[in-house]
């Protein structure tokens, strides 16, 4: 199931003991729903697999819980309540997906510290002896508590053990970006719904409420907002055929790559007054290339401007990806970009302007659909404003 898990334990339990364990697990889930509905709501939606292929208990990226019968059998009902809630929290906090480049064992330890302190503070079941616990860890993220030297390379991390499954599908293949995003979204939706249900009956722990607030109010990355905006410009009924212009100069007419533009002409304005440096340009460029790839504009015109237009680059589909380089470094004025657009009879689908927002934007206006991607000021009387938050 996952490379994190240790080798299966050899011991087993009898069919009668197995039946007794399953009865107690069912009781534990029922008590979670009654006494701790936030956790109970999540637990009730999980699939449970009894298997000796995990050393203790585990949960995979999709939220399936695995229980080793021999290890679980000695646990009390209150221990099982704690155990089930613990595994559910790994799912809700997307610990499998968030691990990324980190070592499995210390990552598991960091996640356990956060979860166990949450459960102990909320009075959920009985803590399992030998488990990881750090006072006030509930106020931290696993990323903050992660110590790559903790736990060594072994699988014995104490208590419940190495219980975070790898982000893989049922065949052991790594999940792609779209699958990961779908799982993150599903876990977030379930978590928010569970919190609402628990709050309605007055049984939502304060620390869980804080966690949900942070989850709900997390800012959307600027490039995702811009991408959604640009994808809204896609037209499915546009198609055109033209020769590959790289060979036209030699009087050779060859078909271009199979390309169907889905958005019109896009103008990118770049503030080169000195407020936008190469770091911002590189980050902007990387995300804009992805947007261009998904939206397929028929042309991209990049206009570099400080107090006047300093340089213009034009890119057609055969020239993609777009490459940005600063030109200029004087004062600041945004109007020359729009004058250039009008003077050259450009009819853009949208103008995307990268700037710090400190200019003459409120001293003029235009009929062109405009997105201000600003690193600083958001004081714009017109256009769509997106705050550019640089990556660390």
Protein backbone atom coordinates (compact mmCIF):
# COMPACT_ATOMS: atom_id res chain seq x y z
CA UNK A 1 0.00 0.00 0.00
CA UNK A 2 2.83 2.40 0.82
CA UNK A 3 6.54 2.41 1.30
CA UNK A 4 6.02 4.12 4.65
CA UNK A 5 4.55 1.00 6.24
CA UNK A 6 6.74 -1.52 8.02
CA UNK A 7 6.64 -5.25 7.25
CA UNK A 8 3.39 -7.02 8.24
CA UNK A 9 3.23 -8.37 11.78
CA UNK A 10 3.08 -12.17 11.91
CA UNK A 11 0.60 -12.48 14.78
CA UNK A 12 -3.12 -12.73 14.14
CA UNK A 13 -6.36 -12.99 16.06
CA UNK A 14 -9.15 -15.56 15.95
CA UNK A 15 -12.40 -15.08 14.00
CA UNK A 16 -14.24 -14.54 17.31
CA UNK A 17 -11.74 -11.89 18.35
CA UNK A 18 -12.02 -10.28 14.92
CA UNK A 19 -15.81 -10.08 15.31
CA UNK A 20 -15.39 -8.55 18.77
CA UNK A 21 -12.93 -5.97 17.42
CA UNK A 22 -15.27 -4.98 14.60
CA UNK A 23 -18.10 -4.59 17.12
CA UNK A 24 -15.96 -2.27 19.24
CA UNK A 25 -14.86 -0.26 16.21
CA UNK A 26 -18.53 0.21 15.26
CA UNK A 27 -19.26 1.34 18.81
CA UNK A 28 -16.33 3.75 18.73
CA UNK A 29 -17.63 5.32 15.50
CA UNK A 30 -21.11 5.66 17.00
CA UNK A 31 -19.75 7.35 20.13
CA UNK A 32 -17.72 9.72 17.98
CA UNK A 33 -20.89 10.79 16.19
CA UNK A 34 -22.71 11.34 19.50
CA UNK A 35 -19.98 12.96 21.57
CA UNK A 36 -17.62 14.43 18.99
CA UNK A 37 -19.70 14.97 15.83
CA UNK A 38 -16.95 16.81 13.98
CA UNK A 39 -14.74 13.71 14.01
CA UNK A 40 -17.71 11.35 13.84
CA UNK A 41 -18.99 12.94 10.65
CA UNK A 42 -15.66 12.34 8.91
CA UNK A 43 -15.25 8.85 10.40
CA UNK A 44 -18.68 7.77 9.17
CA UNK A 45 -17.69 8.47 5.55
CA UNK A 46 -14.53 6.38 5.61
CA UNK A 47 -14.03 2.87 4.29
CA UNK A 48 -12.40 0.50 6.82
CA UNK A 49 -10.09 -2.33 5.84
CA UNK A 50 -8.84 -4.91 8.36
CA UNK A 51 -5.44 -6.06 7.17
CA UNK A 52 -2.13 -7.36 8.47
CA UNK A 53 -0.34 -5.43 5.72
CA UNK A 54 0.06 -2.44 8.04
CA UNK A 55 1.84 -2.66 11.41
CA UNK A 56 -0.73 -0.66 13.39
CA UNK A 57 -3.24 1.52 11.59
CA UNK A 58 -3.00 3.81 8.57
CA UNK A 59 -4.92 6.03 6.20
CA UNK A 60 -4.21 6.61 2.53
CA UNK A 61 -4.50 9.81 0.52
CA UNK A 62 -8.07 8.95 -0.50
CA UNK A 63 -9.22 8.49 3.10
CA UNK A 64 -9.44 4.71 3.40
CA UNK A 65 -8.55 3.58 6.94
CA UNK A 66 -6.52 0.38 7.45
CA UNK A 67 -6.53 -1.43 10.80
CA UNK A 68 -4.19 -4.22 11.85
CA UNK A 69 -6.49 -6.57 13.84
CA UNK A 70 -3.74 -7.93 16.09
CA UNK A 71 -2.51 -4.48 17.05
CA UNK A 72 -5.98 -2.99 17.48
CA UNK A 73 -7.54 -5.88 19.44
CA UNK A 74 -6.07 -4.96 22.88
CA UNK A 75 -7.24 -1.34 22.57
CA UNK A 76 -10.22 -0.12 24.59
CA UNK A 77 -13.21 1.50 22.94
CA UNK A 78 -11.89 4.89 24.07
CA UNK A 79 -8.51 4.07 22.52
CA UNK A 80 -10.28 3.14 19.28
CA UNK A 81 -12.16 6.45 19.38
CA UNK A 82 -8.82 8.24 19.61
CA UNK A 83 -7.34 6.04 16.88
CA UNK A 84 -10.15 6.61 14.38
CA UNK A 85 -10.20 10.36 15.00
CA UNK A 86 -6.41 10.41 14.64
CA UNK A 87 -6.51 8.76 11.21
CA UNK A 88 -9.35 11.03 10.09
CA UNK A 89 -7.29 14.07 11.03
CA UNK A 90 -4.43 12.91 8.79
CA UNK A 91 -6.96 12.87 5.93
CA UNK A 92 -8.51 16.23 6.80
CA UNK A 93 -5.11 17.89 7.08
CA UNK A 94 -3.97 16.26 3.79
CA UNK A 95 -0.76 15.05 5.42
CA UNK A 96 -0.16 12.47 2.69
CA UNK A 97 -0.25 15.11 -0.04
CA UNK A 98 1.57 17.80 1.93
CA UNK A 99 4.59 15.62 2.64
CA UNK A 100 6.12 16.39 -0.79
CA UNK A 101 9.95 16.13 -0.58
CA UNK A 102 10.12 15.45 3.16
CA UNK A 103 11.25 12.19 4.73
CA UNK A 104 8.30 9.94 5.61
CA UNK A 105 9.23 9.10 9.22
CA UNK A 106 9.94 12.60 10.59
CA UNK A 107 6.98 13.94 8.62
CA UNK A 108 4.75 11.33 10.25
CA UNK A 109 6.07 12.30 13.68
CA UNK A 110 5.38 16.00 13.06
CA UNK A 111 1.84 15.25 11.89
CA UNK A 112 1.18 12.99 14.88
CA UNK A 113 2.30 15.70 17.30
CA UNK A 114 -0.17 18.19 15.84
CA UNK A 115 -3.06 15.72 15.74
CA UNK A 116 -2.54 14.13 19.14
CA UNK A 117 -2.39 17.49 20.89
CA UNK A 118 -5.62 18.52 19.13
CA UNK A 119 -7.37 15.33 20.23
CA UNK A 120 -6.08 15.48 23.81
CA UNK A 121 -7.14 19.13 24.12
CA UNK A 122 -10.60 18.30 22.72
CA UNK A 123 -10.99 15.28 25.05
CA UNK A 124 -11.49 12.80 22.22
CA UNK A 125 -11.17 9.23 23.55
CA UNK A 126 -8.07 8.04 25.37
CA UNK A 127 -4.54 8.72 24.20
CA UNK A 128 -2.70 5.56 23.13
CA UNK A 129 0.36 4.85 25.26
CA UNK A 130 3.67 5.50 23.55
CA UNK A 131 2.22 7.92 21.02
CA UNK A 132 3.83 11.17 19.98
CA UNK A 133 2.80 14.18 22.04
CA UNK A 134 4.11 17.70 22.26
CA UNK A 135 2.29 20.28 24.37
CA UNK A 136 0.76 23.10 22.29
CA UNK A 137 1.68 21.39 19.02
CA UNK A 138 -1.94 22.01 18.00
CA UNK A 139 -1.02 25.65 17.39
CA UNK A 140 1.57 24.68 14.77
CA UNK A 141 1.55 23.13 11.31
CA UNK A 142 3.37 19.87 10.66
CA UNK A 143 5.72 21.77 8.34
CA UNK A 144 6.88 23.90 11.28
CA UNK A 145 7.44 20.92 13.59
CA UNK A 146 9.16 18.83 10.95
CA UNK A 147 12.72 17.79 11.87
CA UNK A 148 14.34 15.61 9.25
CA UNK A 149 16.65 14.06 11.85
CA UNK A 150 13.82 12.92 14.12
CA UNK A 151 12.98 9.22 14.11
CA UNK A 152 15.85 8.19 11.90
CA UNK A 153 15.03 6.09 8.83
CA UNK A 154 13.11 3.39 10.66
CA UNK A 155 9.38 2.83 10.71
CA UNK A 156 8.90 2.86 14.49
CA UNK A 157 7.72 6.37 15.28
CA UNK A 158 5.94 5.47 18.50
CA UNK A 159 2.31 4.92 19.37
CA UNK A 160 0.19 4.47 16.28
CA UNK A 161 3.33 4.41 14.14
CA UNK A 162 3.94 5.20 10.49
CA UNK A 163 0.35 5.67 9.39
CA UNK A 164 0.44 8.22 6.56
CA UNK A 165 0.07 6.54 3.19
CA UNK A 166 1.90 7.77 0.10
CA UNK A 167 -0.04 9.87 -2.45
CA UNK A 168 -0.61 6.97 -4.85
CA UNK A 169 -3.60 5.29 -6.48
CA UNK A 170 -4.83 1.73 -5.87
CA UNK A 171 -2.14 0.42 -8.24
CA UNK A 172 0.69 2.23 -6.49
CA UNK A 173 1.08 4.88 -9.21
CA UNK A 174 1.84 8.43 -8.11
CA UNK A 175 -1.15 10.75 -8.30
CA UNK A 176 -0.96 13.51 -10.89
CA UNK A 177 -1.55 17.19 -10.15
CA UNK A 178 -5.24 17.13 -11.06
CA UNK A 179 -5.89 14.07 -8.87
CA UNK A 180 -4.08 15.66 -5.93
CA UNK A 181 -6.06 18.88 -6.33
CA UNK A 182 -9.30 16.90 -6.45
CA UNK A 183 -8.42 15.02 -3.24
CA UNK A 184 -7.44 18.23 -1.45
CA UNK A 185 -10.69 19.86 -2.47
CA UNK A 186 -12.78 16.85 -1.40
CA UNK A 187 -11.08 16.66 2.00
CA UNK A 188 -11.57 20.38 2.52
CA UNK A 189 -15.27 20.18 1.63
CA UNK A 190 -15.85 17.25 4.00
CA UNK A 191 -13.99 19.04 6.79
CA UNK A 192 -15.96 22.27 6.42
CA UNK A 193 -19.26 20.38 6.27
CA UNK A 194 -18.36 18.39 9.39
CA UNK A 195 -17.46 21.60 11.22
CA UNK A 196 -20.80 23.19 10.33
CA UNK A 197 -22.70 20.15 11.55
CA UNK A 198 -20.78 20.07 14.84
CA UNK A 199 -21.20 23.80 15.38
CA UNK A 200 -24.97 23.54 14.94
CA UNK A 201 -25.14 21.26 17.99
CA UNK A 202 -22.59 23.27 19.96
CA UNK A 203 -19.86 20.61 19.84
CA UNK A 204 -17.13 22.14 17.70
CA UNK A 205 -13.82 22.39 19.63
CA UNK A 206 -12.28 25.87 19.64
CA UNK A 207 -9.03 24.72 18.07
CA UNK A 208 -10.91 22.94 15.30
CA UNK A 209 -12.90 26.10 14.63
CA UNK A 210 -9.64 28.03 14.34
CA UNK A 211 -8.28 25.41 11.95
CA UNK A 212 -11.41 25.63 9.78
CA UNK A 213 -11.22 29.43 9.69
CA UNK A 214 -7.65 29.22 8.43
CA UNK A 215 -8.69 26.62 5.86
CA UNK A 216 -11.62 28.65 4.56
CA UNK A 217 -9.86 32.01 4.53
CA UNK A 218 -6.61 30.88 2.92
CA UNK A 219 -5.83 33.35 0.12
CA UNK A 220 -6.02 32.03 -3.44
CA UNK A 221 -2.69 32.41 -5.27
CA UNK A 222 -2.70 35.34 -7.70
CA UNK A 223 -1.87 33.16 -10.69
CA UNK A 224 -4.88 30.90 -10.04
CA UNK A 225 -7.16 33.96 -10.00
CA UNK A 226 -5.61 35.25 -13.22
CA UNK A 227 -5.85 31.83 -14.85
CA UNK A 228 -9.55 31.54 -14.01
CA UNK A 229 -10.13 35.05 -15.38
CA UNK A 230 -8.32 34.25 -18.61
CA UNK A 231 -10.06 30.92 -19.05
CA UNK A 232 -13.33 32.83 -18.89
CA UNK A 233 -12.27 34.47 -22.16
CA UNK A 234 -12.02 31.18 -24.02
CA UNK A 235 -14.14 30.92 -27.15
CA UNK A 236 -14.81 27.42 -28.38
CA UNK A 237 -16.06 28.45 -31.81
CA UNK A 238 -12.83 30.00 -33.17
CA UNK A 239 -10.63 28.06 -35.59
CA UNK A 240 -8.21 29.17 -38.28
CA UNK A 241 -5.50 27.75 -40.51
CA UNK A 242 -2.34 29.54 -41.61
CA UNK A 243 1.15 28.71 -42.91
CA UNK A 244 4.10 28.45 -40.57
CA UNK A 245 5.56 31.95 -40.73
CA UNK A 246 9.07 30.77 -39.85
CA UNK A 247 9.42 29.53 -43.45
CA UNK A 248 7.49 32.25 -45.32
CA UNK A 249 10.63 34.40 -45.70
CA UNK A 250 12.12 31.67 -47.87
CA UNK A 251 8.96 31.44 -49.97
CA UNK A 252 8.28 28.08 -48.41
CA UNK A 253 4.72 27.54 -47.31
CA UNK A 254 4.29 24.79 -44.76
CA UNK A 255 1.43 24.18 -42.41
CA UNK A 256 1.95 25.39 -38.87
CA UNK A 257 1.50 23.16 -35.88
CA UNK A 258 -2.06 22.10 -35.27
CA UNK A 259 -3.24 25.09 -33.29
CA UNK A 260 -6.69 26.34 -32.47
CA UNK A 261 -6.73 29.72 -30.72
CA UNK A 262 -9.39 29.91 -28.08
CA UNK A 263 -8.83 33.49 -26.91
CA UNK A 264 -8.16 36.60 -28.92
CA UNK A 265 -5.23 39.02 -28.87
CA UNK A 266 -3.73 39.46 -25.37
CA UNK A 267 -1.70 42.55 -24.42
CA UNK A 268 0.72 42.33 -21.50
CA UNK A 269 1.82 45.69 -20.09
CA UNK A 270 4.99 45.65 -17.98
CA UNK A 271 5.82 48.52 -15.63
CA UNK A 272 9.58 49.03 -16.08
CA UNK A 273 9.93 52.14 -13.92
CA UNK A 274 12.17 50.18 -11.56
CA UNK A 275 9.43 48.86 -9.29
CA UNK A 276 9.23 45.54 -11.13
CA UNK A 277 12.49 43.60 -11.05
CA UNK A 278 13.71 40.46 -12.77
CA UNK A 279 12.52 38.26 -9.87
CA UNK A 280 8.91 39.41 -10.30
CA UNK A 281 9.21 39.11 -14.08
CA UNK A 282 10.53 35.56 -13.85
CA UNK A 283 7.75 34.46 -11.52
CA UNK A 284 5.10 36.23 -13.58
CA UNK A 285 6.56 34.77 -16.77
CA UNK A 286 6.43 31.20 -15.48
CA UNK A 287 2.77 31.36 -14.59
CA UNK A 288 1.75 33.35 -17.68
CA UNK A 289 3.30 30.66 -19.90
CA UNK A 290 1.01 28.10 -18.28
CA UNK A 291 -1.99 30.38 -18.78
CA UNK A 292 -1.09 30.96 -22.42
CA UNK A 293 -0.74 27.22 -22.95
CA UNK A 294 -4.22 26.58 -21.58
CA UNK A 295 -5.95 29.56 -23.22
CA UNK A 296 -4.19 29.58 -26.62
CA UNK A 297 -4.39 33.31 -27.47
CA UNK A 298 -4.07 34.12 -31.17
CA UNK A 299 -1.31 36.65 -30.36
CA UNK A 300 0.47 38.14 -27.33
CA UNK A 301 1.86 41.68 -27.44
CA UNK A 302 4.18 42.66 -24.59
CA UNK A 303 4.57 46.41 -24.05
CA UNK A 304 7.32 47.65 -21.72
CA UNK A 305 6.64 51.09 -20.31
CA UNK A 306 7.96 53.47 -17.65
CA UNK A 307 6.82 57.02 -18.44
CA UNK A 308 6.73 56.06 -22.13
CA UNK A 309 6.71 52.91 -24.23
CA UNK A 310 10.30 51.65 -24.40
CA UNK A 311 9.96 48.34 -26.21
CA UNK A 312 7.34 46.08 -27.76
CA UNK A 313 7.54 42.34 -28.41
CA UNK A 314 4.99 40.38 -30.37
CA UNK A 315 4.51 36.65 -29.99
CA UNK A 316 2.42 34.38 -32.16
CA UNK A 317 1.69 30.72 -31.44
CA UNK A 318 4.86 29.52 -33.19
CA UNK A 319 6.90 31.78 -30.85
CA UNK A 320 5.54 30.56 -27.52
CA UNK A 321 6.61 30.40 -24.75
CA UNK A 322 6.74 34.14 -24.12
CA UNK A 323 9.94 35.54 -22.61
CA UNK A 324 10.00 38.80 -20.65
CA UNK A 325 13.01 41.11 -20.21
CA UNK A 326 12.89 44.59 -18.62
CA UNK A 327 13.35 47.68 -20.81
CA UNK A 328 13.41 51.18 -19.33
CA UNK A 329 13.79 52.41 -15.77
CA UNK A 330 12.45 55.98 -15.72
CA UNK A 331 9.29 57.46 -14.25
CA UNK A 332 5.86 55.86 -14.16
CA UNK A 333 2.85 56.29 -16.44
CA UNK A 334 0.39 53.63 -17.53
CA UNK A 335 -1.48 55.64 -20.16
CA UNK A 336 1.16 55.24 -22.92
CA UNK A 337 0.46 51.50 -23.09
CA UNK A 338 -3.21 52.10 -23.83
CA UNK A 339 -2.35 54.91 -26.28
CA UNK A 340 -0.07 52.47 -28.12
CA UNK A 341 -2.86 49.91 -28.26
CA UNK A 342 -5.28 52.45 -29.74
CA UNK A 343 -2.76 54.09 -32.08
CA UNK A 344 -1.84 50.70 -33.57
CA UNK A 345 -5.45 49.55 -33.93
CA UNK A 346 -4.96 46.64 -31.55
CA UNK A 347 -8.22 45.16 -30.35
CA UNK A 348 -7.14 43.08 -27.32
CA UNK A 349 -9.26 40.46 -25.66
CA UNK A 350 -7.69 41.69 -22.42
CA UNK A 351 -4.82 43.87 -21.21
CA UNK A 352 -2.89 42.38 -18.28
CA UNK A 353 -0.69 45.03 -16.64
CA UNK A 354 2.07 44.01 -14.19
CA UNK A 355 2.91 46.93 -11.90
CA UNK A 356 3.42 48.10 -8.32
CA UNK A 357 0.23 50.14 -8.71
CA UNK A 358 1.84 53.53 -8.11
CA UNK A 359 1.03 55.56 -11.19
CA UNK A 360 -1.56 57.54 -13.12
CA UNK A 361 -4.21 54.79 -13.31
CA UNK A 362 -6.97 57.02 -11.93
CA UNK A 363 -6.24 59.96 -14.21
CA UNK A 364 -7.56 58.26 -17.36
CA UNK A 365 -9.71 55.32 -18.42
CA UNK A 366 -10.14 53.01 -21.38
CA UNK A 367 -12.76 50.75 -22.89
CA UNK A 368 -10.31 47.83 -23.00
CA UNK A 369 -10.89 44.98 -20.56
CA UNK A 370 -7.98 45.37 -18.13
CA UNK A 371 -6.46 43.34 -15.32
CA UNK A 372 -4.11 45.17 -12.95
CA UNK A 373 -1.69 42.64 -11.45
CA UNK A 374 -0.22 44.76 -8.68
CA UNK A 375 2.65 44.07 -6.29
CA UNK A 376 1.79 46.98 -3.98
CA UNK A 377 -1.04 49.50 -4.28
CA UNK A 378 -4.58 48.29 -5.04
CA UNK A 379 -6.05 51.78 -5.49
CA UNK A 380 -7.57 51.47 -8.95
CA UNK A 381 -10.87 53.07 -9.92
CA UNK A 382 -11.35 50.79 -12.91
CA UNK A 383 -10.34 47.37 -14.21
CA UNK A 384 -9.96 44.09 -12.34
CA UNK A 385 -7.35 44.22 -9.56
CA UNK A 386 -5.37 41.12 -8.53
CA UNK A 387 -2.76 41.36 -5.77
CA UNK A 388 0.55 39.83 -6.83
CA UNK A 389 1.94 37.89 -3.87
CA UNK A 390 5.43 36.68 -4.68
CA UNK A 391 6.48 33.15 -3.88
CA UNK A 392 8.97 32.59 -1.08
